[in-house]
Amino acid sequence: MWILLALAWLVPITWASTVTVDFSKVIRTSRTVTTLQVVSNPILDRTFVAPNGTHFPNPIHDNAWASLKALQADLVRFVPWFPYPKKSVAELDAPTKSKTSW
């Protein structure tokens, strides 16, 4: 067997294939659904919180969510992503007897 493997480089191997595509003939129609991943971030919040604690309305909130709805995507996933720990971590501080952070 080793001799055959050693001599294999002497025999040229060629593979030739021809692929013909006929786009005028429908064989199958794709049945996909639209999907979307919405990554949570402060710009999608209903209100903004200033560094001094003042809350004020987000002027693009309603339009952003209306645009998402208008896409009519099936299987939308809302992802609370890690750059915003207050959105992605359920418990930022250890619970006490009287309080939890979530």
Protein backbone atom coordinates (compact mmCIF):
# COMPACT_ATOMS: atom_id res chain seq x y z
CA MET A 1 0.00 0.00 0.00
CA TRP A 2 2.81 2.41 0.83
CA ILE A 3 4.30 1.82 -2.58
CA LEU A 4 1.02 2.75 -4.23
CA LEU A 5 0.80 5.94 -2.19
CA ALA A 6 4.39 6.79 -3.00
CA LEU A 7 3.81 6.30 -6.72
CA ALA A 8 0.45 8.09 -6.74
CA TRP A 9 2.10 11.42 -7.56
CA LEU A 10 3.25 9.93 -10.88
CA VAL A 11 -0.30 9.44 -12.12
CA PRO A 12 -1.96 12.72 -13.02
CA ILE A 13 -5.50 12.92 -11.68
CA THR A 14 -7.91 15.32 -13.27
CA TRP A 15 -11.54 15.86 -12.50
CA ALA A 16 -13.68 17.67 -14.99
CA SER A 17 -17.26 18.66 -14.34
CA THR A 18 -19.73 20.74 -16.22
CA VAL A 19 -22.62 22.46 -14.51
CA THR A 20 -25.45 23.82 -16.60
CA VAL A 21 -28.03 26.11 -15.02
CA ASP A 22 -31.39 26.84 -16.63
CA PHE A 23 -32.91 29.81 -14.82
CA SER A 24 -36.06 29.71 -16.99
CA LYS A 25 -37.23 26.50 -15.31
CA VAL A 26 -38.56 26.79 -11.74
CA ILE A 27 -37.80 23.71 -9.70
CA ARG A 28 -38.58 25.05 -6.24
CA THR A 29 -39.57 28.38 -4.72
CA SER A 30 -37.74 29.47 -1.60
CA ARG A 31 -39.96 29.58 1.48
CA THR A 32 -37.99 31.78 3.83
CA VAL A 33 -39.30 34.19 6.43
CA THR A 34 -37.97 37.57 7.32
CA THR A 35 -36.18 37.73 10.64
CA LEU A 36 -34.57 40.53 12.54
CA GLN A 37 -32.42 40.92 15.62
CA VAL A 38 -33.07 44.10 17.58
CA VAL A 39 -30.15 44.87 19.85
CA SER A 40 -31.22 46.79 22.90
CA ASN A 41 -29.61 50.16 23.27
CA PRO A 42 -30.55 53.45 24.93
CA ILE A 43 -31.72 55.02 21.67
CA LEU A 44 -34.72 52.64 21.68
CA ASP A 45 -35.81 53.55 25.21
CA ARG A 46 -39.03 55.48 25.73
CA THR A 47 -37.20 58.04 27.85
CA PHE A 48 -33.62 59.15 28.27
CA VAL A 49 -32.02 59.68 31.66
CA ALA A 50 -29.54 62.52 31.90
CA PRO A 51 -26.44 62.14 34.09
CA ASN A 52 -28.14 64.30 36.72
CA GLY A 53 -31.11 61.87 36.85
CA THR A 54 -33.53 64.00 34.82
CA HIS A 55 -35.86 61.95 32.60
CA PHE A 56 -36.94 63.32 29.22
CA PRO A 57 -38.81 61.73 26.31
CA ASN A 58 -36.93 60.13 23.45
CA PRO A 59 -37.98 61.97 20.28
CA ILE A 60 -37.35 58.98 17.98
CA HIS A 61 -38.75 56.18 20.17
CA ASP A 62 -42.15 55.96 18.49
CA ASN A 63 -40.74 56.20 14.95
CA ALA A 64 -38.05 53.60 15.65
CA TRP A 65 -40.56 51.02 16.92
CA ALA A 66 -43.10 51.89 14.19
CA SER A 67 -40.40 51.28 11.58
CA LEU A 68 -39.62 47.93 13.16
CA LYS A 69 -43.29 46.99 13.05
CA ALA A 70 -43.59 48.14 9.41
CA LEU A 71 -40.91 45.61 8.39
CA GLN A 72 -43.43 42.86 9.20
CA ALA A 73 -40.59 40.54 10.11
CA ASP A 74 -41.40 37.16 11.57
CA LEU A 75 -39.31 35.85 14.43
CA VAL A 76 -37.98 39.17 15.72
CA ARG A 77 -35.45 38.61 18.50
CA PHE A 78 -34.90 41.30 21.09
CA VAL A 79 -31.34 41.01 22.36
CA PRO A 80 -30.24 42.82 25.50
CA TRP A 81 -26.59 43.02 24.55
CA PHE A 82 -23.55 43.36 26.78
CA PRO A 83 -22.37 46.93 26.03
CA TYR A 84 -25.31 48.08 28.16
CA PRO A 85 -25.07 46.11 31.42
CA LYS A 86 -28.12 47.77 32.96
CA LYS A 87 -30.14 46.27 30.11
CA SER A 88 -28.49 42.86 29.84
CA VAL A 89 -27.70 41.83 33.40
CA ALA A 90 -30.74 40.92 35.46
CA GLU A 91 -28.99 41.44 38.78
CA LEU A 92 -26.28 44.09 38.95
CA ASP A 93 -25.91 43.93 42.73
CA ALA A 94 -26.28 41.04 45.13
CA PRO A 95 -29.75 40.87 46.68
CA THR A 96 -30.30 41.76 50.31
CA LYS A 97 -33.13 40.83 52.67
CA SER A 98 -35.06 43.95 51.68
CA LYS A 99 -33.95 44.72 48.12
CA THR A 100 -32.90 43.27 44.78
CA SER A 101 -31.32 45.16 41.91
CA TRP A 102 -33.68 43.76 39.30
